[in-house]
Amino acid sequence: MIQNEYTPDEVSPPGESLADVLEERAMSQAELAQKIGYSENTVSEIIQGRAPITAEMAVKLETVLEIPARFWNMRQVQYQESIDRKPQAHH
């Protein structure tokens, strides 16, 4: 067990950070989608936490938003780890 490492039980999807950045910059999802070369639907899915931010997309976000790709990649990894650590509900 690693000591002194903050591991929250709930990590928000990276799309929440993306939504916050778009709001701060008054940029629409459609505008972002056009600038990064993805569909509006894909951007919407990411913001809603239903699709991941891929490594390729992280680089495009860095280019457009000037936020390092490693930030987006880490947010995605942390979110995925939080999901993987959750006890699985039996269906």
PDB file of N, CA and C in Angstrom:
ATOM      1  N   MET A   1       0.861  -1.199   0.000  1.00  0.00           N
ATOM      2  CA  MET A   1       0.000   0.000   0.000  1.00  0.00           C
ATOM      3  C   MET A   1       0.891   1.241   0.000  1.00  0.00           C
ATOM      4  N   ILE A   2       0.609   2.137  -0.868  1.00  0.00           N
ATOM      5  CA  ILE A   2       1.378   3.381  -0.949  1.00  0.00           C
ATOM      6  C   ILE A   2       0.814   4.356   0.085  1.00  0.00           C
ATOM      7  N   GLN A   3       1.709   4.889   0.910  1.00  0.00           N
ATOM      8  CA  GLN A   3       1.286   5.823   1.949  1.00  0.00           C
ATOM      9  C   GLN A   3       1.183   7.244   1.388  1.00  0.00           C
ATOM     10  N   ASN A   4       0.350   8.032   2.026  1.00  0.00           N
ATOM     11  CA  ASN A   4       0.220   9.453   1.690  1.00  0.00           C
ATOM     12  C   ASN A   4      -0.172   9.708   0.238  1.00  0.00           C
ATOM     13  N   GLU A   5      -0.900   8.793  -0.349  1.00  0.00           N
ATOM     14  CA  GLU A   5      -1.390   9.021  -1.701  1.00  0.00           C
ATOM     15  C   GLU A   5      -2.889   9.253  -1.621  1.00  0.00           C
ATOM     16  N   TYR A   6      -3.320  10.371  -2.136  1.00  0.00           N
ATOM     17  CA  TYR A   6      -4.735  10.707  -2.088  1.00  0.00           C
ATOM     18  C   TYR A   6      -5.482   9.927  -3.151  1.00  0.00           C
ATOM     19  N   THR A   7      -6.374   9.064  -2.719  1.00  0.00           N
ATOM     20  CA  THR A   7      -7.184   8.316  -3.671  1.00  0.00           C
ATOM     21  C   THR A   7      -8.649   8.481  -3.291  1.00  0.00           C
ATOM     22  N   PRO A   8      -9.293   9.462  -3.882  1.00  0.00           N
ATOM     23  CA  PRO A   8     -10.711   9.682  -3.558  1.00  0.00           C
ATOM     24  C   PRO A   8     -11.564   8.515  -4.030  1.00  0.00           C
ATOM     25  N   ASP A   9     -12.661   8.276  -3.326  1.00  0.00           N
ATOM     26  CA  ASP A   9     -13.569   7.196  -3.709  1.00  0.00           C
ATOM     27  C   ASP A   9     -14.254   7.521  -5.037  1.00  0.00           C
ATOM     28  N   GLU A  10     -14.596   8.756  -5.213  1.00  0.00           N
ATOM     29  CA  GLU A  10     -15.320   9.192  -6.394  1.00  0.00           C
ATOM     30  C   GLU A  10     -14.464  10.192  -7.150  1.00  0.00           C
ATOM     31  N   VAL A  11     -14.146   9.883  -8.367  1.00  0.00           N
ATOM     32  CA  VAL A  11     -13.426  10.826  -9.217  1.00  0.00           C
ATOM     33  C   VAL A  11     -14.383  11.205 -10.339  1.00  0.00           C
ATOM     34  N   SER A  12     -14.537  12.484 -10.568  1.00  0.00           N
ATOM     35  CA  SER A  12     -15.470  12.914 -11.604  1.00  0.00           C
ATOM     36  C   SER A  12     -14.912  12.590 -12.980  1.00  0.00           C
ATOM     37  N   PRO A  13     -15.785  12.377 -13.947  1.00  0.00           N
ATOM     38  CA  PRO A  13     -15.307  12.102 -15.299  1.00  0.00           C
ATOM     39  C   PRO A  13     -14.520  13.294 -15.840  1.00  0.00           C
ATOM     40  N   PRO A  14     -13.514  13.034 -16.661  1.00  0.00           N
ATOM     41  CA  PRO A  14     -12.717  14.136 -17.216  1.00  0.00           C
ATOM     42  C   PRO A  14     -13.555  15.115 -18.038  1.00  0.00           C
ATOM     43  N   GLY A  15     -14.681  14.641 -18.513  1.00  0.00           N
ATOM     44  CA  GLY A  15     -15.588  15.522 -19.256  1.00  0.00           C
ATOM     45  C   GLY A  15     -16.088  16.690 -18.429  1.00  0.00           C
ATOM     46  N   GLU A  16     -16.158  16.505 -17.103  1.00  0.00           N
ATOM     47  CA  GLU A  16     -16.581  17.620 -16.241  1.00  0.00           C
ATOM     48  C   GLU A  16     -15.551  18.740 -16.295  1.00  0.00           C
ATOM     49  N   SER A  17     -14.268  18.382 -16.285  1.00  0.00           N
ATOM     50  CA  SER A  17     -13.211  19.396 -16.407  1.00  0.00           C
ATOM     51  C   SER A  17     -13.305  20.090 -17.759  1.00  0.00           C
ATOM     52  N   LEU A  18     -13.562  19.299 -18.792  1.00  0.00           N
ATOM     53  CA  LEU A  18     -13.681  19.855 -20.137  1.00  0.00           C
ATOM     54  C   LEU A  18     -14.861  20.821 -20.208  1.00  0.00           C
ATOM     55  N   ALA A  19     -15.978  20.445 -19.624  1.00  0.00           N
ATOM     56  CA  ALA A  19     -17.157  21.318 -19.607  1.00  0.00           C
ATOM     57  C   ALA A  19     -16.837  22.632 -18.890  1.00  0.00           C
ATOM     58  N   ASP A  20     -16.101  22.542 -17.776  1.00  0.00           N
ATOM     59  CA  ASP A  20     -15.728  23.747 -17.026  1.00  0.00           C
ATOM     60  C   ASP A  20     -14.862  24.676 -17.874  1.00  0.00           C
ATOM     61  N   VAL A  21     -13.895  24.094 -18.592  1.00  0.00           N
ATOM     62  CA  VAL A  21     -13.000  24.896 -19.430  1.00  0.00           C
ATOM     63  C   VAL A  21     -13.795  25.585 -20.539  1.00  0.00           C
ATOM     64  N   LEU A  22     -14.705  24.843 -21.158  1.00  0.00           N
ATOM     65  CA  LEU A  22     -15.515  25.435 -22.235  1.00  0.00           C
ATOM     66  C   LEU A  22     -16.362  26.587 -21.700  1.00  0.00           C
ATOM     67  N   GLU A  23     -16.921  26.385 -20.513  1.00  0.00           N
ATOM     68  CA  GLU A  23     -17.742  27.436 -19.905  1.00  0.00           C
ATOM     69  C   GLU A  23     -16.902  28.678 -19.618  1.00  0.00           C
ATOM     70  N   GLU A  24     -15.710  28.461 -19.047  1.00  0.00           N
ATOM     71  CA  GLU A  24     -14.821  29.594 -18.735  1.00  0.00           C
ATOM     72  C   GLU A  24     -14.462  30.388 -19.988  1.00  0.00           C
ATOM     73  N   ARG A  25     -14.330  29.680 -21.091  1.00  0.00           N
ATOM     74  CA  ARG A  25     -13.891  30.327 -22.337  1.00  0.00           C
ATOM     75  C   ARG A  25     -15.040  30.694 -23.253  1.00  0.00           C
ATOM     76  N   ALA A  26     -16.259  30.469 -22.798  1.00  0.00           N
ATOM     77  CA  ALA A  26     -17.449  30.747 -23.605  1.00  0.00           C
ATOM     78  C   ALA A  26     -17.347  30.073 -24.977  1.00  0.00           C
ATOM     79  N   MET A  27     -16.883  28.829 -24.967  1.00  0.00           N
ATOM     80  CA  MET A  27     -16.766  28.048 -26.196  1.00  0.00           C
ATOM     81  C   MET A  27     -17.828  26.951 -26.175  1.00  0.00           C
ATOM     82  N   SER A  28     -18.536  26.800 -27.258  1.00  0.00           N
ATOM     83  CA  SER A  28     -19.576  25.770 -27.324  1.00  0.00           C
ATOM     84  C   SER A  28     -18.953  24.403 -27.610  1.00  0.00           C
ATOM     85  N   GLN A  29     -19.714  23.363 -27.295  1.00  0.00           N
ATOM     86  CA  GLN A  29     -19.270  22.006 -27.619  1.00  0.00           C
ATOM     87  C   GLN A  29     -19.086  21.875 -29.131  1.00  0.00           C
ATOM     88  N   ALA A  30     -19.971  22.495 -29.888  1.00  0.00           N
ATOM     89  CA  ALA A  30     -19.893  22.429 -31.351  1.00  0.00           C
ATOM     90  C   ALA A  30     -18.607  23.081 -31.852  1.00  0.00           C
ATOM     91  N   GLU A  31     -18.251  24.218 -31.265  1.00  0.00           N
ATOM     92  CA  GLU A  31     -17.031  24.927 -31.661  1.00  0.00           C
ATOM     93  C   GLU A  31     -15.800  24.076 -31.346  1.00  0.00           C
ATOM     94  N   LEU A  32     -15.779  23.484 -30.146  1.00  0.00           N
ATOM     95  CA  LEU A  32     -14.663  22.626 -29.783  1.00  0.00           C
ATOM     96  C   LEU A  32     -14.573  21.437 -30.735  1.00  0.00           C
ATOM     97  N   ALA A  33     -15.701  20.802 -30.997  1.00  0.00           N
ATOM     98  CA  ALA A  33     -15.725  19.635 -31.887  1.00  0.00           C
ATOM     99  C   ALA A  33     -15.119  19.983 -33.245  1.00  0.00           C
ATOM    100  N   GLN A  34     -15.495  21.132 -33.771  1.00  0.00           N
ATOM    101  CA  GLN A  34     -14.971  21.565 -35.065  1.00  0.00           C
ATOM    102  C   GLN A  34     -13.458  21.781 -34.995  1.00  0.00           C
ATOM    103  N   LYS A  35     -12.995  22.411 -33.913  1.00  0.00           N
ATOM    104  CA  LYS A  35     -11.568  22.727 -33.781  1.00  0.00           C
ATOM    105  C   LYS A  35     -10.691  21.488 -33.596  1.00  0.00           C
ATOM    106  N   ILE A  36     -11.231  20.442 -32.952  1.00  0.00           N
ATOM    107  CA  ILE A  36     -10.421  19.240 -32.725  1.00  0.00           C
ATOM    108  C   ILE A  36     -10.711  18.145 -33.754  1.00  0.00           C
ATOM    109  N   GLY A  37     -11.676  18.396 -34.629  1.00  0.00           N
ATOM    110  CA  GLY A  37     -11.950  17.432 -35.692  1.00  0.00           C
ATOM    111  C   GLY A  37     -12.719  16.203 -35.250  1.00  0.00           C
ATOM    112  N   TYR A  38     -13.549  16.355 -34.224  1.00  0.00           N
ATOM    113  CA  TYR A  38     -14.416  15.267 -33.774  1.00  0.00           C
ATOM    114  C   TYR A  38     -15.860  15.715 -33.919  1.00  0.00           C
ATOM    115  N   SER A  39     -16.774  14.761 -33.888  1.00  0.00           N
ATOM    116  CA  SER A  39     -18.193  15.107 -34.004  1.00  0.00           C
ATOM    117  C   SER A  39     -18.694  15.756 -32.707  1.00  0.00           C
ATOM    118  N   GLU A  40     -19.740  16.544 -32.855  1.00  0.00           N
ATOM    119  CA  GLU A  40     -20.375  17.150 -31.668  1.00  0.00           C
ATOM    120  C   GLU A  40     -20.852  16.051 -30.730  1.00  0.00           C
ATOM    121  N   ASN A  41     -21.328  14.948 -31.294  1.00  0.00           N
ATOM    122  CA  ASN A  41     -21.816  13.838 -30.495  1.00  0.00           C
ATOM    123  C   ASN A  41     -20.699  13.269 -29.620  1.00  0.00           C
ATOM    124  N   THR A  42     -19.502  13.117 -30.197  1.00  0.00           N
ATOM    125  CA  THR A  42     -18.365  12.592 -29.432  1.00  0.00           C
ATOM    126  C   THR A  42     -18.025  13.523 -28.276  1.00  0.00           C
ATOM    127  N   VAL A  43     -17.965  14.823 -28.547  1.00  0.00           N
ATOM    128  CA  VAL A  43     -17.665  15.803 -27.491  1.00  0.00           C
ATOM    129  C   VAL A  43     -18.737  15.740 -26.404  1.00  0.00           C
ATOM    130  N   SER A  44     -19.984  15.647 -26.804  1.00  0.00           N
ATOM    131  CA  SER A  44     -21.089  15.555 -25.851  1.00  0.00           C
ATOM    132  C   SER A  44     -20.970  14.294 -24.990  1.00  0.00           C
ATOM    133  N   GLU A  45     -20.639  13.165 -25.615  1.00  0.00           N
ATOM    134  CA  GLU A  45     -20.475  11.900 -24.874  1.00  0.00           C
ATOM    135  C   GLU A  45     -19.362  12.006 -23.840  1.00  0.00           C
ATOM    136  N   ILE A  46     -18.272  12.680 -24.202  1.00  0.00           N
ATOM    137  CA  ILE A  46     -17.154  12.859 -23.273  1.00  0.00           C
ATOM    138  C   ILE A  46     -17.592  13.723 -22.093  1.00  0.00           C
ATOM    139  N   ILE A  47     -18.244  14.823 -22.385  1.00  0.00           N
ATOM    140  CA  ILE A  47     -18.684  15.741 -21.333  1.00  0.00           C
ATOM    141  C   ILE A  47     -19.670  15.046 -20.386  1.00  0.00           C
ATOM    142  N   GLN A  48     -20.480  14.146 -20.930  1.00  0.00           N
ATOM    143  CA  GLN A  48     -21.443  13.417 -20.094  1.00  0.00           C
ATOM    144  C   GLN A  48     -20.826  12.205 -19.406  1.00  0.00           C
ATOM    145  N   GLY A  49     -19.527  11.960 -19.651  1.00  0.00           N
ATOM    146  CA  GLY A  49     -18.855  10.851 -18.987  1.00  0.00           C
ATOM    147  C   GLY A  49     -19.149   9.501 -19.608  1.00  0.00           C
ATOM    148  N   ARG A  50     -19.685   9.492 -20.823  1.00  0.00           N
ATOM    149  CA  ARG A  50     -20.031   8.227 -21.480  1.00  0.00           C
ATOM    150  C   ARG A  50     -18.962   7.758 -22.458  1.00  0.00           C
ATOM    151  N   ALA A  51     -17.999   8.635 -22.772  1.00  0.00           N
ATOM    152  CA  ALA A  51     -16.902   8.265 -23.670  1.00  0.00           C
ATOM    153  C   ALA A  51     -15.603   8.773 -23.064  1.00  0.00           C
ATOM    154  N   PRO A  52     -14.506   8.045 -23.270  1.00  0.00           N
ATOM    155  CA  PRO A  52     -13.218   8.458 -22.710  1.00  0.00           C
ATOM    156  C   PRO A  52     -12.528   9.513 -23.563  1.00  0.00           C
ATOM    157  N   ILE A  53     -11.614  10.221 -22.933  1.00  0.00           N
ATOM    158  CA  ILE A  53     -10.710  11.100 -23.680  1.00  0.00           C
ATOM    159  C   ILE A  53      -9.535  10.217 -24.089  1.00  0.00           C
ATOM    160  N   THR A  54      -9.379  10.005 -25.380  1.00  0.00           N
ATOM    161  CA  THR A  54      -8.284   9.170 -25.869  1.00  0.00           C
ATOM    162  C   THR A  54      -6.989   9.971 -25.867  1.00  0.00           C
ATOM    163  N   ALA A  55      -5.862   9.264 -25.978  1.00  0.00           N
ATOM    164  CA  ALA A  55      -4.555   9.934 -26.025  1.00  0.00           C
ATOM    165  C   ALA A  55      -4.481  10.888 -27.214  1.00  0.00           C
ATOM    166  N   GLU A  56      -5.017  10.462 -28.354  1.00  0.00           N
ATOM    167  CA  GLU A  56      -5.024  11.305 -29.556  1.00  0.00           C
ATOM    168  C   GLU A  56      -5.850  12.575 -29.316  1.00  0.00           C
ATOM    169  N   MET A  57      -6.996  12.399 -28.694  1.00  0.00           N
ATOM    170  CA  MET A  57      -7.852  13.550 -28.421  1.00  0.00           C
ATOM    171  C   MET A  57      -7.184  14.491 -27.422  1.00  0.00           C
ATOM    172  N   ALA A  58      -6.485  13.937 -26.437  1.00  0.00           N
ATOM    173  CA  ALA A  58      -5.798  14.762 -25.435  1.00  0.00           C
ATOM    174  C   ALA A  58      -4.808  15.709 -26.113  1.00  0.00           C
ATOM    175  N   VAL A  59      -4.108  15.215 -27.122  1.00  0.00           N
ATOM    176  CA  VAL A  59      -3.152  16.049 -27.860  1.00  0.00           C
ATOM    177  C   VAL A  59      -3.891  17.159 -28.614  1.00  0.00           C
ATOM    178  N   LYS A  60      -5.022  16.827 -29.196  1.00  0.00           N
ATOM    179  CA  LYS A  60      -5.809  17.845 -29.912  1.00  0.00           C
ATOM    180  C   LYS A  60      -6.369  18.886 -28.944  1.00  0.00           C
ATOM    181  N   LEU A  61      -6.789  18.426 -27.768  1.00  0.00           N
ATOM    182  CA  LEU A  61      -7.277  19.365 -26.750  1.00  0.00           C
ATOM    183  C   LEU A  61      -6.148  20.288 -26.308  1.00  0.00           C
ATOM    184  N   GLU A  62      -4.945  19.743 -26.177  1.00  0.00           N
ATOM    185  CA  GLU A  62      -3.792  20.561 -25.803  1.00  0.00           C
ATOM    186  C   GLU A  62      -3.565  21.661 -26.838  1.00  0.00           C
ATOM    187  N   THR A  63      -3.632  21.300 -28.097  1.00  0.00           N
ATOM    188  CA  THR A  63      -3.408  22.257 -29.175  1.00  0.00           C
ATOM    189  C   THR A  63      -4.450  23.377 -29.160  1.00  0.00           C
ATOM    190  N   VAL A  64      -5.704  23.010 -28.966  1.00  0.00           N
ATOM    191  CA  VAL A  64      -6.794  23.992 -29.019  1.00  0.00           C
ATOM    192  C   VAL A  64      -6.944  24.774 -27.719  1.00  0.00           C
ATOM    193  N   LEU A  65      -6.868  24.073 -26.587  1.00  0.00           N
ATOM    194  CA  LEU A  65      -7.153  24.705 -25.292  1.00  0.00           C
ATOM    195  C   LEU A  65      -5.900  25.140 -24.535  1.00  0.00           C
ATOM    196  N   GLU A  66      -4.734  24.713 -25.019  1.00  0.00           N
ATOM    197  CA  GLU A  66      -3.464  25.017 -24.358  1.00  0.00           C
ATOM    198  C   GLU A  66      -3.421  24.515 -22.926  1.00  0.00           C
ATOM    199  N   ILE A  67      -4.026  23.344 -22.720  1.00  0.00           N
ATOM    200  CA  ILE A  67      -3.947  22.624 -21.445  1.00  0.00           C
ATOM    201  C   ILE A  67      -3.224  21.330 -21.790  1.00  0.00           C
ATOM    202  N   PRO A  68      -2.126  21.002 -21.106  1.00  0.00           N
ATOM    203  CA  PRO A  68      -1.295  19.861 -21.495  1.00  0.00           C
ATOM    204  C   PRO A  68      -2.065  18.556 -21.673  1.00  0.00           C
ATOM    205  N   ALA A  69      -1.687  17.804 -22.694  1.00  0.00           N
ATOM    206  CA  ALA A  69      -2.310  16.499 -22.954  1.00  0.00           C
ATOM    207  C   ALA A  69      -2.194  15.609 -21.716  1.00  0.00           C
ATOM    208  N   ARG A  70      -1.078  15.717 -20.976  1.00  0.00           N
ATOM    209  CA  ARG A  70      -0.898  14.854 -19.798  1.00  0.00           C
ATOM    210  C   ARG A  70      -1.979  15.115 -18.753  1.00  0.00           C
ATOM    211  N   PHE A  71      -2.490  16.362 -18.682  1.00  0.00           N
ATOM    212  CA  PHE A  71      -3.589  16.653 -17.756  1.00  0.00           C
ATOM    213  C   PHE A  71      -4.814  15.817 -18.126  1.00  0.00           C
ATOM    214  N   TRP A  72      -5.172  15.840 -19.396  1.00  0.00           N
ATOM    215  CA  TRP A  72      -6.358  15.098 -19.858  1.00  0.00           C
ATOM    216  C   TRP A  72      -6.137  13.593 -19.702  1.00  0.00           C
ATOM    217  N   ASN A  73      -4.938  13.142 -20.037  1.00  0.00           N
ATOM    218  CA  ASN A  73      -4.641  11.710 -19.907  1.00  0.00           C
ATOM    219  C   ASN A  73      -4.717  11.264 -18.447  1.00  0.00           C
ATOM    220  N   MET A  74      -4.169  12.065 -17.536  1.00  0.00           N
ATOM    221  CA  MET A  74      -4.220  11.719 -16.104  1.00  0.00           C
ATOM    222  C   MET A  74      -5.648  11.721 -15.587  1.00  0.00           C
ATOM    223  N   ARG A  75      -6.435  12.704 -16.013  1.00  0.00           N
ATOM    224  CA  ARG A  75      -7.843  12.746 -15.574  1.00  0.00           C
ATOM    225  C   ARG A  75      -8.554  11.464 -16.010  1.00  0.00           C
ATOM    226  N   GLN A  76      -8.284  11.029 -17.244  1.00  0.00           N
ATOM    227  CA  GLN A  76      -8.923   9.824 -17.762  1.00  0.00           C
ATOM    228  C   GLN A  76      -8.474   8.595 -16.975  1.00  0.00           C
ATOM    229  N   VAL A  77      -7.168   8.478 -16.727  1.00  0.00           N
ATOM    230  CA  VAL A  77      -6.632   7.333 -15.984  1.00  0.00           C
ATOM    231  C   VAL A  77      -7.210   7.296 -14.567  1.00  0.00           C
ATOM    232  N   GLN A  78      -7.219   8.434 -13.901  1.00  0.00           N
ATOM    233  CA  GLN A  78      -7.746   8.482 -12.533  1.00  0.00           C
ATOM    234  C   GLN A  78      -9.222   8.106 -12.499  1.00  0.00           C
ATOM    235  N   TYR A  79      -9.962   8.589 -13.475  1.00  0.00           N
ATOM    236  CA  TYR A  79     -11.389   8.271 -13.531  1.00  0.00           C
ATOM    237  C   TYR A  79     -11.581   6.770 -13.766  1.00  0.00           C
ATOM    238  N   GLN A  80     -10.831   6.212 -14.712  1.00  0.00           N
ATOM    239  CA  GLN A  80     -10.959   4.785 -15.012  1.00  0.00           C
ATOM    240  C   GLN A  80     -10.582   3.950 -13.796  1.00  0.00           C
ATOM    241  N   GLU A  81      -9.518   4.338 -13.092  1.00  0.00           N
ATOM    242  CA  GLU A  81      -9.121   3.604 -11.890  1.00  0.00           C
ATOM    243  C   GLU A  81     -10.220   3.653 -10.833  1.00  0.00           C
ATOM    244  N   SER A  82     -10.866   4.804 -10.682  1.00  0.00           N
ATOM    245  CA  SER A  82     -11.923   4.914  -9.670  1.00  0.00           C
ATOM    246  C   SER A  82     -13.093   4.000 -10.011  1.00  0.00           C
ATOM    247  N   ILE A  83     -13.368   3.860 -11.313  1.00  0.00           N
ATOM    248  CA  ILE A  83     -14.446   2.955 -11.739  1.00  0.00           C
ATOM    249  C   ILE A  83     -14.031   1.504 -11.483  1.00  0.00           C
ATOM    250  N   ASP A  84     -12.792   1.190 -11.838  1.00  0.00           N
ATOM    251  CA  ASP A  84     -12.299  -0.183 -11.675  1.00  0.00           C
ATOM    252  C   ASP A  84     -12.236  -0.608 -10.214  1.00  0.00           C
ATOM    253  N   ARG A  85     -12.038   0.341  -9.303  1.00  0.00           N
ATOM    254  CA  ARG A  85     -11.943   0.022  -7.879  1.00  0.00           C
ATOM    255  C   ARG A  85     -13.311  -0.151  -7.220  1.00  0.00           C
ATOM    256  N   LYS A  86     -14.345   0.348  -7.854  1.00  0.00           N
ATOM    257  CA  LYS A  86     -15.688   0.235  -7.278  1.00  0.00           C
ATOM    258  C   LYS A  86     -16.105  -1.231  -7.210  1.00  0.00           C
ATOM    259  N   PRO A  87     -16.744  -1.612  -6.111  1.00  0.00           N
ATOM    260  CA  PRO A  87     -17.267  -2.982  -6.066  1.00  0.00           C
ATOM    261  C   PRO A  87     -18.272  -3.151  -7.203  1.00  0.00           C
ATOM    262  N   GLN A  88     -18.160  -4.246  -7.901  1.00  0.00           N
ATOM    263  CA  GLN A  88     -19.068  -4.481  -9.020  1.00  0.00           C
ATOM    264  C   GLN A  88     -20.424  -4.945  -8.513  1.00  0.00           C
ATOM    265  N   ALA A  89     -21.465  -4.284  -8.994  1.00  0.00           N
ATOM    266  CA  ALA A  89     -22.823  -4.687  -8.625  1.00  0.00           C
ATOM    267  C   ALA A  89     -23.203  -5.905  -9.469  1.00  0.00           C
ATOM    268  N   HIS A  90     -23.853  -6.861  -8.837  1.00  0.00           N
ATOM    269  CA  HIS A  90     -24.287  -8.051  -9.577  1.00  0.00           C
ATOM    270  C   HIS A  90     -25.630  -7.753 -10.214  1.00  0.00           C
ATOM    271  N   HIS A  91     -25.734  -8.076 -11.487  1.00  0.00           N
ATOM    272  CA  HIS A  91     -26.989  -7.795 -12.205  1.00  0.00           C
ATOM    273  C   HIS A  91     -27.841  -9.040 -12.254  1.00  0.00           C
TER     274      HIS A  91
END
